[in-house]
Amino acid sequence: MASFFLSFSLFFITVCAEDGFRYYVVSSCEFNSTELNGIEYTESFLYNKLEFITFRSSVGKYVGYTAFGEKNAERWNNGPEVVQRRARKETYCLNNVGIDTERALTKSVEPTVRLHS
């Protein structure tokens, strides 16, 4: 009886499982100095691996790549969202760039080479 229940459960899960849709946001800070003008904040919105809208601090506004993204970019560029994203460069990136520079980038190790024949 237990094996029948297990088999039925596995069959039910296999047949009734739905493909999922993934929505996610990727935020990043790219920098070549610790100064604010050497930092770029990027926030990308993706749905099923397709980037539909992004914000770059160097552009200063949202840019849509699909019809849905263009509609939202226009709405967000005229609302308080764009002002909040512009401030993220300073509030989010500037503090973390200092930490990354101090902890990782200032430390160097002499390179070694090992040859095999």
PDB file of N, CA and C in Angstrom:
ATOM      1  N   MET A   1       0.824  -1.194   0.000  1.00  0.00           N
ATOM      2  CA  MET A   1       0.000   0.000   0.000  1.00  0.00           C
ATOM      3  C   MET A   1       0.870   1.260   0.000  1.00  0.00           C
ATOM      4  N   ALA A   2       1.961   1.222   0.784  1.00  0.00           N
ATOM      5  CA  ALA A   2       2.837   2.385   0.851  1.00  0.00           C
ATOM      6  C   ALA A   2       3.527   2.622  -0.490  1.00  0.00           C
ATOM      7  N   SER A   3       3.910   1.548  -1.188  1.00  0.00           N
ATOM      8  CA  SER A   3       4.576   1.730  -2.480  1.00  0.00           C
ATOM      9  C   SER A   3       3.595   2.284  -3.516  1.00  0.00           C
ATOM     10  N   PHE A   4       2.314   1.894  -3.432  1.00  0.00           N
ATOM     11  CA  PHE A   4       1.315   2.446  -4.342  1.00  0.00           C
ATOM     12  C   PHE A   4       1.162   3.949  -4.105  1.00  0.00           C
ATOM     13  N   PHE A   5       1.112   4.339  -2.838  1.00  0.00           N
ATOM     14  CA  PHE A   5       0.980   5.756  -2.507  1.00  0.00           C
ATOM     15  C   PHE A   5       2.193   6.535  -3.000  1.00  0.00           C
ATOM     16  N   LEU A   6       3.383   5.972  -2.797  1.00  0.00           N
ATOM     17  CA  LEU A   6       4.605   6.628  -3.249  1.00  0.00           C
ATOM     18  C   LEU A   6       4.620   6.748  -4.771  1.00  0.00           C
ATOM     19  N   SER A   7       4.262   5.678  -5.457  1.00  0.00           N
ATOM     20  CA  SER A   7       4.232   5.703  -6.925  1.00  0.00           C
ATOM     21  C   SER A   7       3.208   6.714  -7.432  1.00  0.00           C
ATOM     22  N   PHE A   8       2.026   6.725  -6.824  1.00  0.00           N
ATOM     23  CA  PHE A   8       0.988   7.670  -7.224  1.00  0.00           C
ATOM     24  C   PHE A   8       1.434   9.110  -6.968  1.00  0.00           C
ATOM     25  N   SER A   9       2.076   9.337  -5.826  1.00  0.00           N
ATOM     26  CA  SER A   9       2.552  10.685  -5.494  1.00  0.00           C
ATOM     27  C   SER A   9       3.596  11.154  -6.496  1.00  0.00           C
ATOM     28  N   LEU A  10       4.541  10.284  -6.831  1.00  0.00           N
ATOM     29  CA  LEU A  10       5.565  10.654  -7.802  1.00  0.00           C
ATOM     30  C   LEU A  10       4.955  10.912  -9.175  1.00  0.00           C
ATOM     31  N   PHE A  11       3.986  10.092  -9.562  1.00  0.00           N
ATOM     32  CA  PHE A  11       3.307  10.298 -10.837  1.00  0.00           C
ATOM     33  C   PHE A  11       2.563  11.633 -10.839  1.00  0.00           C
ATOM     34  N   PHE A  12       1.864  11.929  -9.743  1.00  0.00           N
ATOM     35  CA  PHE A  12       1.102  13.169  -9.631  1.00  0.00           C
ATOM     36  C   PHE A  12       2.030  14.383  -9.703  1.00  0.00           C
ATOM     37  N   ILE A  13       3.155  14.304  -9.003  1.00  0.00           N
ATOM     38  CA  ILE A  13       4.108  15.418  -9.015  1.00  0.00           C
ATOM     39  C   ILE A  13       4.680  15.611 -10.413  1.00  0.00           C
ATOM     40  N   THR A  14       4.980  14.508 -11.091  1.00  0.00           N
ATOM     41  CA  THR A  14       5.549  14.589 -12.436  1.00  0.00           C
ATOM     42  C   THR A  14       4.563  15.174 -13.431  1.00  0.00           C
ATOM     43  N   VAL A  15       3.316  14.739 -13.375  1.00  0.00           N
ATOM     44  CA  VAL A  15       2.313  15.187 -14.340  1.00  0.00           C
ATOM     45  C   VAL A  15       1.835  16.598 -14.040  1.00  0.00           C
ATOM     46  N   CYS A  16       1.669  16.931 -12.775  1.00  0.00           N
ATOM     47  CA  CYS A  16       1.051  18.202 -12.410  1.00  0.00           C
ATOM     48  C   CYS A  16       2.046  19.318 -12.108  1.00  0.00           C
ATOM     49  N   ALA A  17       3.331  19.038 -12.230  1.00  0.00           N
ATOM     50  CA  ALA A  17       4.308  20.087 -11.951  1.00  0.00           C
ATOM     51  C   ALA A  17       4.241  21.145 -13.049  1.00  0.00           C
ATOM     52  N   GLU A  18       4.300  22.380 -12.650  1.00  0.00           N
ATOM     53  CA  GLU A  18       4.225  23.479 -13.604  1.00  0.00           C
ATOM     54  C   GLU A  18       5.611  24.046 -13.823  1.00  0.00           C
ATOM     55  N   ASP A  19       5.818  24.538 -15.010  1.00  0.00           N
ATOM     56  CA  ASP A  19       7.049  25.265 -15.252  1.00  0.00           C
ATOM     57  C   ASP A  19       6.934  26.600 -14.541  1.00  0.00           C
ATOM     58  N   GLY A  20       8.007  27.004 -13.916  1.00  0.00           N
ATOM     59  CA  GLY A  20       7.968  28.249 -13.173  1.00  0.00           C
ATOM     60  C   GLY A  20       8.449  29.417 -14.006  1.00  0.00           C
ATOM     61  N   PHE A  21       8.039  30.586 -13.621  1.00  0.00           N
ATOM     62  CA  PHE A  21       8.507  31.806 -14.236  1.00  0.00           C
ATOM     63  C   PHE A  21       9.394  32.498 -13.221  1.00  0.00           C
ATOM     64  N   ARG A  22      10.533  32.956 -13.660  1.00  0.00           N
ATOM     65  CA  ARG A  22      11.481  33.585 -12.760  1.00  0.00           C
ATOM     66  C   ARG A  22      11.539  35.085 -13.016  1.00  0.00           C
ATOM     67  N   TYR A  23      11.360  35.834 -11.943  1.00  0.00           N
ATOM     68  CA  TYR A  23      11.510  37.280 -11.976  1.00  0.00           C
ATOM     69  C   TYR A  23      12.587  37.616 -10.967  1.00  0.00           C
ATOM     70  N   TYR A  24      13.601  38.318 -11.389  1.00  0.00           N
ATOM     71  CA  TYR A  24      14.639  38.681 -10.442  1.00  0.00           C
ATOM     72  C   TYR A  24      15.286  39.994 -10.844  1.00  0.00           C
ATOM     73  N   VAL A  25      15.949  40.595  -9.866  1.00  0.00           N
ATOM     74  CA  VAL A  25      16.602  41.884 -10.041  1.00  0.00           C
ATOM     75  C   VAL A  25      18.072  41.716  -9.682  1.00  0.00           C
ATOM     76  N   VAL A  26      18.937  42.228 -10.537  1.00  0.00           N
ATOM     77  CA  VAL A  26      20.376  42.158 -10.303  1.00  0.00           C
ATOM     78  C   VAL A  26      20.890  43.584 -10.137  1.00  0.00           C
ATOM     79  N   SER A  27      21.516  43.845  -8.989  1.00  0.00           N
ATOM     80  CA  SER A  27      22.119  45.151  -8.726  1.00  0.00           C
ATOM     81  C   SER A  27      23.626  44.984  -8.655  1.00  0.00           C
ATOM     82  N   SER A  28      24.354  45.914  -9.245  1.00  0.00           N
ATOM     83  CA  SER A  28      25.814  45.808  -9.199  1.00  0.00           C
ATOM     84  C   SER A  28      26.444  47.190  -9.177  1.00  0.00           C
ATOM     85  N   CYS A  29      27.636  47.224  -8.620  1.00  0.00           N
ATOM     86  CA  CYS A  29      28.454  48.430  -8.602  1.00  0.00           C
ATOM     87  C   CYS A  29      29.763  48.110  -9.319  1.00  0.00           C
ATOM     88  N   GLU A  30      30.057  48.856 -10.351  1.00  0.00           N
ATOM     89  CA  GLU A  30      31.325  48.701 -11.055  1.00  0.00           C
ATOM     90  C   GLU A  30      32.135  49.959 -10.793  1.00  0.00           C
ATOM     91  N   PHE A  31      33.419  49.770 -10.462  1.00  0.00           N
ATOM     92  CA  PHE A  31      34.214  50.935 -10.107  1.00  0.00           C
ATOM     93  C   PHE A  31      35.656  50.761 -10.559  1.00  0.00           C
ATOM     94  N   ASN A  32      36.305  51.883 -10.837  1.00  0.00           N
ATOM     95  CA  ASN A  32      37.731  51.890 -11.122  1.00  0.00           C
ATOM     96  C   ASN A  32      38.476  52.847 -10.204  1.00  0.00           C
ATOM     97  N   SER A  33      37.765  53.455  -9.273  1.00  0.00           N
ATOM     98  CA  SER A  33      38.369  54.269  -8.225  1.00  0.00           C
ATOM     99  C   SER A  33      37.385  54.342  -7.066  1.00  0.00           C
ATOM    100  N   THR A  34      37.858  54.877  -5.962  1.00  0.00           N
ATOM    101  CA  THR A  34      36.979  55.007  -4.800  1.00  0.00           C
ATOM    102  C   THR A  34      36.205  56.324  -4.823  1.00  0.00           C
ATOM    103  N   GLU A  35      36.437  57.146  -5.820  1.00  0.00           N
ATOM    104  CA  GLU A  35      35.708  58.404  -5.967  1.00  0.00           C
ATOM    105  C   GLU A  35      34.324  58.136  -6.549  1.00  0.00           C
ATOM    106  N   LEU A  36      33.384  58.988  -6.246  1.00  0.00           N
ATOM    107  CA  LEU A  36      32.002  58.806  -6.687  1.00  0.00           C
ATOM    108  C   LEU A  36      31.863  58.849  -8.209  1.00  0.00           C
ATOM    109  N   ASN A  37      32.689  59.659  -8.881  1.00  0.00           N
ATOM    110  CA  ASN A  37      32.572  59.737 -10.339  1.00  0.00           C
ATOM    111  C   ASN A  37      33.187  58.523 -11.042  1.00  0.00           C
ATOM    112  N   GLY A  38      33.898  57.669 -10.328  1.00  0.00           N
ATOM    113  CA  GLY A  38      34.465  56.448 -10.903  1.00  0.00           C
ATOM    114  C   GLY A  38      33.624  55.218 -10.632  1.00  0.00           C
ATOM    115  N   ILE A  39      32.379  55.411 -10.170  1.00  0.00           N
ATOM    116  CA  ILE A  39      31.489  54.307  -9.803  1.00  0.00           C
ATOM    117  C   ILE A  39      30.257  54.343 -10.701  1.00  0.00           C
ATOM    118  N   GLU A  40      29.828  53.162 -11.151  1.00  0.00           N
ATOM    119  CA  GLU A  40      28.569  53.070 -11.894  1.00  0.00           C
ATOM    120  C   GLU A  40      27.671  52.045 -11.209  1.00  0.00           C
ATOM    121  N   TYR A  41      26.468  52.471 -10.892  1.00  0.00           N
ATOM    122  CA  TYR A  41      25.455  51.594 -10.303  1.00  0.00           C
ATOM    123  C   TYR A  41      24.526  51.121 -11.409  1.00  0.00           C
ATOM    124  N   THR A  42      24.286  49.812 -11.460  1.00  0.00           N
ATOM    125  CA  THR A  42      23.407  49.221 -12.468  1.00  0.00           C
ATOM    126  C   THR A  42      22.388  48.340 -11.773  1.00  0.00           C
ATOM    127  N   GLU A  43      21.136  48.459 -12.187  1.00  0.00           N
ATOM    128  CA  GLU A  43      20.071  47.602 -11.673  1.00  0.00           C
ATOM    129  C   GLU A  43      19.276  47.085 -12.867  1.00  0.00           C
ATOM    130  N   SER A  44      19.272  45.763 -13.038  1.00  0.00           N
ATOM    131  CA  SER A  44      18.602  45.134 -14.178  1.00  0.00           C
ATOM    132  C   SER A  44      17.441  44.285 -13.692  1.00  0.00           C
ATOM    133  N   PHE A  45      16.331  44.352 -14.395  1.00  0.00           N
ATOM    134  CA  PHE A  45      15.140  43.570 -14.087  1.00  0.00           C
ATOM    135  C   PHE A  45      14.985  42.516 -15.172  1.00  0.00           C
ATOM    136  N   LEU A  46      14.877  41.252 -14.752  1.00  0.00           N
ATOM    137  CA  LEU A  46      14.806  40.146 -15.703  1.00  0.00           C
ATOM    138  C   LEU A  46      13.594  39.284 -15.425  1.00  0.00           C
ATOM    139  N   TYR A  47      13.039  38.739 -16.503  1.00  0.00           N
ATOM    140  CA  TYR A  47      11.921  37.808 -16.410  1.00  0.00           C
ATOM    141  C   TYR A  47      12.201  36.678 -17.384  1.00  0.00           C
ATOM    142  N   ASN A  48      12.298  35.468 -16.855  1.00  0.00           N
ATOM    143  CA  ASN A  48      12.639  34.293 -17.669  1.00  0.00           C
ATOM    144  C   ASN A  48      13.904  34.518 -18.496  1.00  0.00           C
ATOM    145  N   LYS A  49      14.949  34.996 -17.848  1.00  0.00           N
ATOM    146  CA  LYS A  49      16.267  35.231 -18.443  1.00  0.00           C
ATOM    147  C   LYS A  49      16.297  36.352 -19.474  1.00  0.00           C
ATOM    148  N   LEU A  50      15.234  37.103 -19.604  1.00  0.00           N
ATOM    149  CA  LEU A  50      15.167  38.199 -20.563  1.00  0.00           C
ATOM    150  C   LEU A  50      15.181  39.521 -19.798  1.00  0.00           C
ATOM    151  N   GLU A  51      16.194  40.325 -20.052  1.00  0.00           N
ATOM    152  CA  GLU A  51      16.277  41.634 -19.410  1.00  0.00           C
ATOM    153  C   GLU A  51      15.287  42.570 -20.093  1.00  0.00           C
ATOM    154  N   PHE A  52      14.343  43.087 -19.313  1.00  0.00           N
ATOM    155  CA  PHE A  52      13.320  43.934 -19.917  1.00  0.00           C
ATOM    156  C   PHE A  52      13.444  45.400 -19.545  1.00  0.00           C
ATOM    157  N   ILE A  53      14.186  45.700 -18.488  1.00  0.00           N
ATOM    158  CA  ILE A  53      14.395  47.103 -18.114  1.00  0.00           C
ATOM    159  C   ILE A  53      15.665  47.190 -17.280  1.00  0.00           C
ATOM    160  N   THR A  54      16.370  48.298 -17.395  1.00  0.00           N
ATOM    161  CA  THR A  54      17.581  48.490 -16.606  1.00  0.00           C
ATOM    162  C   THR A  54      17.735  49.960 -16.237  1.00  0.00           C
ATOM    163  N   PHE A  55      18.462  50.174 -15.137  1.00  0.00           N
ATOM    164  CA  PHE A  55      18.827  51.525 -14.717  1.00  0.00           C
ATOM    165  C   PHE A  55      20.342  51.565 -14.606  1.00  0.00           C
ATOM    166  N   ARG A  56      20.950  52.548 -15.243  1.00  0.00           N
ATOM    167  CA  ARG A  56      22.387  52.769 -15.132  1.00  0.00           C
ATOM    168  C   ARG A  56      22.597  54.196 -14.634  1.00  0.00           C
ATOM    169  N   SER A  57      23.474  54.330 -13.632  1.00  0.00           N
ATOM    170  CA  SER A  57      23.692  55.667 -13.084  1.00  0.00           C
ATOM    171  C   SER A  57      24.391  56.575 -14.091  1.00  0.00           C
ATOM    172  N   SER A  58      25.145  56.015 -15.033  1.00  0.00           N
ATOM    173  CA  SER A  58      25.793  56.860 -16.042  1.00  0.00           C
ATOM    174  C   SER A  58      24.765  57.465 -17.002  1.00  0.00           C
ATOM    175  N   VAL A  59      23.667  56.760 -17.258  1.00  0.00           N
ATOM    176  CA  VAL A  59      22.585  57.281 -18.096  1.00  0.00           C
ATOM    177  C   VAL A  59      21.652  58.143 -17.250  1.00  0.00           C
ATOM    178  N   GLY A  60      21.405  57.719 -16.010  1.00  0.00           N
ATOM    179  CA  GLY A  60      20.577  58.493 -15.087  1.00  0.00           C
ATOM    180  C   GLY A  60      19.092  58.256 -15.215  1.00  0.00           C
ATOM    181  N   LYS A  61      18.699  57.233 -15.966  1.00  0.00           N
ATOM    182  CA  LYS A  61      17.278  56.934 -16.105  1.00  0.00           C
ATOM    183  C   LYS A  61      17.104  55.462 -16.456  1.00  0.00           C
ATOM    184  N   TYR A  62      15.844  55.015 -16.395  1.00  0.00           N
ATOM    185  CA  TYR A  62      15.507  53.648 -16.777  1.00  0.00           C
ATOM    186  C   TYR A  62      15.428  53.551 -18.297  1.00  0.00           C
ATOM    187  N   VAL A  63      15.857  52.408 -18.828  1.00  0.00           N
ATOM    188  CA  VAL A  63      15.769  52.135 -20.261  1.00  0.00           C
ATOM    189  C   VAL A  63      15.072  50.795 -20.426  1.00  0.00           C
ATOM    190  N   GLY A  64      14.023  50.767 -21.232  1.00  0.00           N
ATOM    191  CA  GLY A  64      13.280  49.534 -21.478  1.00  0.00           C
ATOM    192  C   GLY A  64      13.744  48.857 -22.753  1.00  0.00           C
ATOM    193  N   TYR A  65      13.786  47.518 -22.727  1.00  0.00           N
ATOM    194  CA  TYR A  65      14.224  46.743 -23.885  1.00  0.00           C
ATOM    195  C   TYR A  65      13.087  45.985 -24.552  1.00  0.00           C
ATOM    196  N   THR A  66      11.945  45.898 -23.907  1.00  0.00           N
ATOM    197  CA  THR A  66      10.764  45.251 -24.477  1.00  0.00           C
ATOM    198  C   THR A  66       9.610  46.249 -24.395  1.00  0.00           C
ATOM    199  N   ALA A  67       8.477  45.893 -24.981  1.00  0.00           N
ATOM    200  CA  ALA A  67       7.312  46.787 -24.910  1.00  0.00           C
ATOM    201  C   ALA A  67       6.898  47.011 -23.460  1.00  0.00           C
ATOM    202  N   PHE A  68       6.894  45.941 -22.671  1.00  0.00           N
ATOM    203  CA  PHE A  68       6.559  46.053 -21.250  1.00  0.00           C
ATOM    204  C   PHE A  68       7.595  46.904 -20.525  1.00  0.00           C
ATOM    205  N   GLY A  69       8.874  46.699 -20.842  1.00  0.00           N
ATOM    206  CA  GLY A  69       9.940  47.464 -20.214  1.00  0.00           C
ATOM    207  C   GLY A  69       9.906  48.935 -20.580  1.00  0.00           C
ATOM    208  N   GLU A  70       9.607  49.228 -21.835  1.00  0.00           N
ATOM    209  CA  GLU A  70       9.522  50.627 -22.264  1.00  0.00           C
ATOM    210  C   GLU A  70       8.380  51.356 -21.564  1.00  0.00           C
ATOM    211  N   LYS A  71       7.258  50.665 -21.394  1.00  0.00           N
ATOM    212  CA  LYS A  71       6.111  51.269 -20.709  1.00  0.00           C
ATOM    213  C   LYS A  71       6.461  51.576 -19.253  1.00  0.00           C
ATOM    214  N   ASN A  72       7.113  50.633 -18.576  1.00  0.00           N
ATOM    215  CA  ASN A  72       7.492  50.858 -17.181  1.00  0.00           C
ATOM    216  C   ASN A  72       8.617  51.874 -17.059  1.00  0.00           C
ATOM    217  N   ALA A  73       9.543  51.891 -17.999  1.00  0.00           N
ATOM    218  CA  ALA A  73      10.626  52.877 -17.957  1.00  0.00           C
ATOM    219  C   ALA A  73      10.069  54.290 -18.039  1.00  0.00           C
ATOM    220  N   GLU A  74       9.103  54.490 -18.910  1.00  0.00           N
ATOM    221  CA  GLU A  74       8.485  55.815 -19.029  1.00  0.00           C
ATOM    222  C   GLU A  74       7.786  56.209 -17.729  1.00  0.00           C
ATOM    223  N   ARG A  75       7.091  55.265 -17.132  1.00  0.00           N
ATOM    224  CA  ARG A  75       6.367  55.543 -15.882  1.00  0.00           C
ATOM    225  C   ARG A  75       7.347  55.809 -14.736  1.00  0.00           C
ATOM    226  N   TRP A  76       8.387  54.971 -14.625  1.00  0.00           N
ATOM    227  CA  TRP A  76       9.349  55.121 -13.532  1.00  0.00           C
ATOM    228  C   TRP A  76      10.212  56.365 -13.697  1.00  0.00           C
ATOM    229  N   ASN A  77      10.533  56.749 -14.920  1.00  0.00           N
ATOM    230  CA  ASN A  77      11.347  57.950 -15.138  1.00  0.00           C
ATOM    231  C   ASN A  77      10.597  59.226 -14.771  1.00  0.00           C
ATOM    232  N   ASN A  78       9.275  59.172 -14.741  1.00  0.00           N
ATOM    233  CA  ASN A  78       8.475  60.337 -14.363  1.00  0.00           C
ATOM    234  C   ASN A  78       8.014  60.288 -12.912  1.00  0.00           C
ATOM    235  N   GLY A  79       8.449  59.311 -12.150  1.00  0.00           N
ATOM    236  CA  GLY A  79       8.034  59.165 -10.759  1.00  0.00           C
ATOM    237  C   GLY A  79       9.210  59.283  -9.805  1.00  0.00           C
ATOM    238  N   PRO A  80       8.964  59.019  -8.532  1.00  0.00           N
ATOM    239  CA  PRO A  80      10.031  59.135  -7.531  1.00  0.00           C
ATOM    240  C   PRO A  80      11.063  58.008  -7.609  1.00  0.00           C
ATOM    241  N   GLU A  81      10.782  56.952  -8.362  1.00  0.00           N
ATOM    242  CA  GLU A  81      11.693  55.816  -8.443  1.00  0.00           C
ATOM    243  C   GLU A  81      13.053  56.205  -9.006  1.00  0.00           C
ATOM    244  N   VAL A  82      13.070  57.070 -10.011  1.00  0.00           N
ATOM    245  CA  VAL A  82      14.329  57.433 -10.656  1.00  0.00           C
ATOM    246  C   VAL A  82      15.218  58.238  -9.705  1.00  0.00           C
ATOM    247  N   VAL A  83      14.625  59.059  -8.868  1.00  0.00           N
ATOM    248  CA  VAL A  83      15.402  59.828  -7.888  1.00  0.00           C
ATOM    249  C   VAL A  83      16.010  58.886  -6.853  1.00  0.00           C
ATOM    250  N   GLN A  84      15.243  57.894  -6.421  1.00  0.00           N
ATOM    251  CA  GLN A  84      15.747  56.911  -5.461  1.00  0.00           C
ATOM    252  C   GLN A  84      16.907  56.116  -6.050  1.00  0.00           C
ATOM    253  N   ARG A  85      16.820  55.743  -7.316  1.00  0.00           N
ATOM    254  CA  ARG A  85      17.888  54.964  -7.947  1.00  0.00           C
ATOM    255  C   ARG A  85      19.147  55.798  -8.136  1.00  0.00           C
ATOM    256  N   ARG A  86      18.987  57.062  -8.441  1.00  0.00           N
ATOM    257  CA  ARG A  86      20.161  57.932  -8.576  1.00  0.00           C
ATOM    258  C   ARG A  86      20.906  58.043  -7.253  1.00  0.00           C
ATOM    259  N   ALA A  87      20.177  58.035  -6.146  1.00  0.00           N
ATOM    260  CA  ALA A  87      20.801  58.117  -4.827  1.00  0.00           C
ATOM    261  C   ALA A  87      21.483  56.811  -4.433  1.00  0.00           C
ATOM    262  N   ARG A  88      21.088  55.702  -5.022  1.00  0.00           N
ATOM    263  CA  ARG A  88      21.677  54.405  -4.690  1.00  0.00           C
ATOM    264  C   ARG A  88      23.172  54.348  -4.980  1.00  0.00           C
ATOM    265  N   LYS A  89      23.628  55.071  -5.979  1.00  0.00           N
ATOM    266  CA  LYS A  89      25.057  55.087  -6.305  1.00  0.00           C
ATOM    267  C   LYS A  89      25.859  55.517  -5.086  1.00  0.00           C
ATOM    268  N   GLU A  90      25.358  56.520  -4.401  1.00  0.00           N
ATOM    269  CA  GLU A  90      26.067  57.015  -3.225  1.00  0.00           C
ATOM    270  C   GLU A  90      25.784  56.168  -1.988  1.00  0.00           C
ATOM    271  N   THR A  91      24.518  55.817  -1.754  1.00  0.00           N
ATOM    272  CA  THR A  91      24.176  55.100  -0.522  1.00  0.00           C
ATOM    273  C   THR A  91      24.582  53.633  -0.556  1.00  0.00           C
ATOM    274  N   TYR A  92      24.480  53.001  -1.700  1.00  0.00           N
ATOM    275  CA  TYR A  92      24.757  51.566  -1.801  1.00  0.00           C
ATOM    276  C   TYR A  92      26.198  51.291  -2.225  1.00  0.00           C
ATOM    277  N   CYS A  93      26.653  51.967  -3.262  1.00  0.00           N
ATOM    278  CA  CYS A  93      27.956  51.644  -3.836  1.00  0.00           C
ATOM    279  C   CYS A  93      29.127  52.263  -3.080  1.00  0.00           C
ATOM    280  N   LEU A  94      29.028  53.523  -2.752  1.00  0.00           N
ATOM    281  CA  LEU A  94      30.179  54.229  -2.191  1.00  0.00           C
ATOM    282  C   LEU A  94      30.699  53.565  -0.920  1.00  0.00           C
ATOM    283  N   ASN A  95      29.814  53.139  -0.028  1.00  0.00           N
ATOM    284  CA  ASN A  95      30.243  52.468   1.202  1.00  0.00           C
ATOM    285  C   ASN A  95      30.885  51.119   0.912  1.00  0.00           C
ATOM    286  N   ASN A  96      30.307  50.356  -0.009  1.00  0.00           N
ATOM    287  CA  ASN A  96      30.832  49.029  -0.306  1.00  0.00           C
ATOM    288  C   ASN A  96      32.124  49.073  -1.111  1.00  0.00           C
ATOM    289  N   VAL A  97      32.309  50.070  -1.932  1.00  0.00           N
ATOM    290  CA  VAL A  97      33.548  50.196  -2.696  1.00  0.00           C
ATOM    291  C   VAL A  97      34.722  50.388  -1.748  1.00  0.00           C
ATOM    292  N   GLY A  98      34.534  51.185  -0.725  1.00  0.00           N
ATOM    293  CA  GLY A  98      35.596  51.374   0.263  1.00  0.00           C
ATOM    294  C   GLY A  98      35.971  50.079   0.950  1.00  0.00           C
ATOM    295  N   ILE A  99      34.984  49.282   1.302  1.00  0.00           N
ATOM    296  CA  ILE A  99      35.237  47.994   1.952  1.00  0.00           C
ATOM    297  C   ILE A  99      35.949  47.048   0.996  1.00  0.00           C
ATOM    298  N   ASP A 100      35.467  46.952  -0.239  1.00  0.00           N
ATOM    299  CA  ASP A 100      36.093  46.059  -1.217  1.00  0.00           C
ATOM    300  C   ASP A 100      37.530  46.463  -1.504  1.00  0.00           C
ATOM    301  N   THR A 101      37.768  47.744  -1.636  1.00  0.00           N
ATOM    302  CA  THR A 101      39.120  48.220  -1.916  1.00  0.00           C
ATOM    303  C   THR A 101      40.053  47.908  -0.760  1.00  0.00           C
ATOM    304  N   GLU A 102      39.591  48.163   0.452  1.00  0.00           N
ATOM    305  CA  GLU A 102      40.431  47.939   1.633  1.00  0.00           C
ATOM    306  C   GLU A 102      40.701  46.458   1.875  1.00  0.00           C
ATOM    307  N   ARG A 103      39.688  45.628   1.739  1.00  0.00           N
ATOM    308  CA  ARG A 103      39.802  44.210   2.078  1.00  0.00           C
ATOM    309  C   ARG A 103      40.444  43.356   0.994  1.00  0.00           C
ATOM    310  N   ALA A 104      40.191  43.662  -0.262  1.00  0.00           N
ATOM    311  CA  ALA A 104      40.621  42.739  -1.314  1.00  0.00           C
ATOM    312  C   ALA A 104      41.601  43.347  -2.311  1.00  0.00           C
ATOM    313  N   LEU A 105      41.320  44.512  -2.792  1.00  0.00           N
ATOM    314  CA  LEU A 105      42.099  45.035  -3.908  1.00  0.00           C
ATOM    315  C   LEU A 105      43.458  45.592  -3.514  1.00  0.00           C
ATOM    316  N   THR A 106      43.644  46.000  -2.277  1.00  0.00           N
ATOM    317  CA  THR A 106      44.941  46.528  -1.865  1.00  0.00           C
ATOM    318  C   THR A 106      45.912  45.427  -1.477  1.00  0.00           C
ATOM    319  N   LYS A 107      45.433  44.227  -1.335  1.00  0.00           N
ATOM    320  CA  LYS A 107      46.285  43.102  -0.968  1.00  0.00           C
ATOM    321  C   LYS A 107      46.767  42.427  -2.249  1.00  0.00           C
ATOM    322  N   SER A 108      48.055  42.232  -2.355  1.00  0.00           N
ATOM    323  CA  SER A 108      48.581  41.555  -3.533  1.00  0.00           C
ATOM    324  C   SER A 108      49.553  40.469  -3.091  1.00  0.00           C
ATOM    325  N   VAL A 109      49.665  39.489  -3.915  1.00  0.00           N
ATOM    326  CA  VAL A 109      50.545  38.358  -3.651  1.00  0.00           C
ATOM    327  C   VAL A 109      51.461  38.216  -4.850  1.00  0.00           C
ATOM    328  N   GLU A 110      52.712  37.910  -4.586  1.00  0.00           N
ATOM    329  CA  GLU A 110      53.647  37.710  -5.680  1.00  0.00           C
ATOM    330  C   GLU A 110      53.230  36.484  -6.477  1.00  0.00           C
ATOM    331  N   PRO A 111      53.115  36.621  -7.783  1.00  0.00           N
ATOM    332  CA  PRO A 111      52.672  35.473  -8.583  1.00  0.00           C
ATOM    333  C   PRO A 111      53.733  34.385  -8.652  1.00  0.00           C
ATOM    334  N   THR A 112      53.273  33.154  -8.764  1.00  0.00           N
ATOM    335  CA  THR A 112      54.180  32.016  -8.925  1.00  0.00           C
ATOM    336  C   THR A 112      53.788  31.259 -10.181  1.00  0.00           C
ATOM    337  N   VAL A 113      54.787  30.610 -10.765  1.00  0.00           N
ATOM    338  CA  VAL A 113      54.561  29.826 -11.973  1.00  0.00           C
ATOM    339  C   VAL A 113      55.138  28.448 -11.750  1.00  0.00           C
ATOM    340  N   ARG A 114      54.382  27.437 -12.131  1.00  0.00           N
ATOM    341  CA  ARG A 114      54.842  26.060 -12.024  1.00  0.00           C
ATOM    342  C   ARG A 114      54.706  25.423 -13.404  1.00  0.00           C
ATOM    343  N   LEU A 115      55.815  24.953 -13.948  1.00  0.00           N
ATOM    344  CA  LEU A 115      55.812  24.344 -15.273  1.00  0.00           C
ATOM    345  C   LEU A 115      55.767  22.832 -15.156  1.00  0.00           C
ATOM    346  N   HIS A 116      54.982  22.213 -16.001  1.00  0.00           N
ATOM    347  CA  HIS A 116      54.901  20.753 -16.068  1.00  0.00           C
ATOM    348  C   HIS A 116      55.229  20.330 -17.488  1.00  0.00           C
ATOM    349  N   SER A 117      55.895  19.192 -17.592  1.00  0.00           N
ATOM    350  CA  SER A 117      56.167  18.690 -18.948  1.00  0.00           C
ATOM    351  C   SER A 117      55.630  17.292 -19.131  1.00  0.00           C
TER     352      SER A 117
END
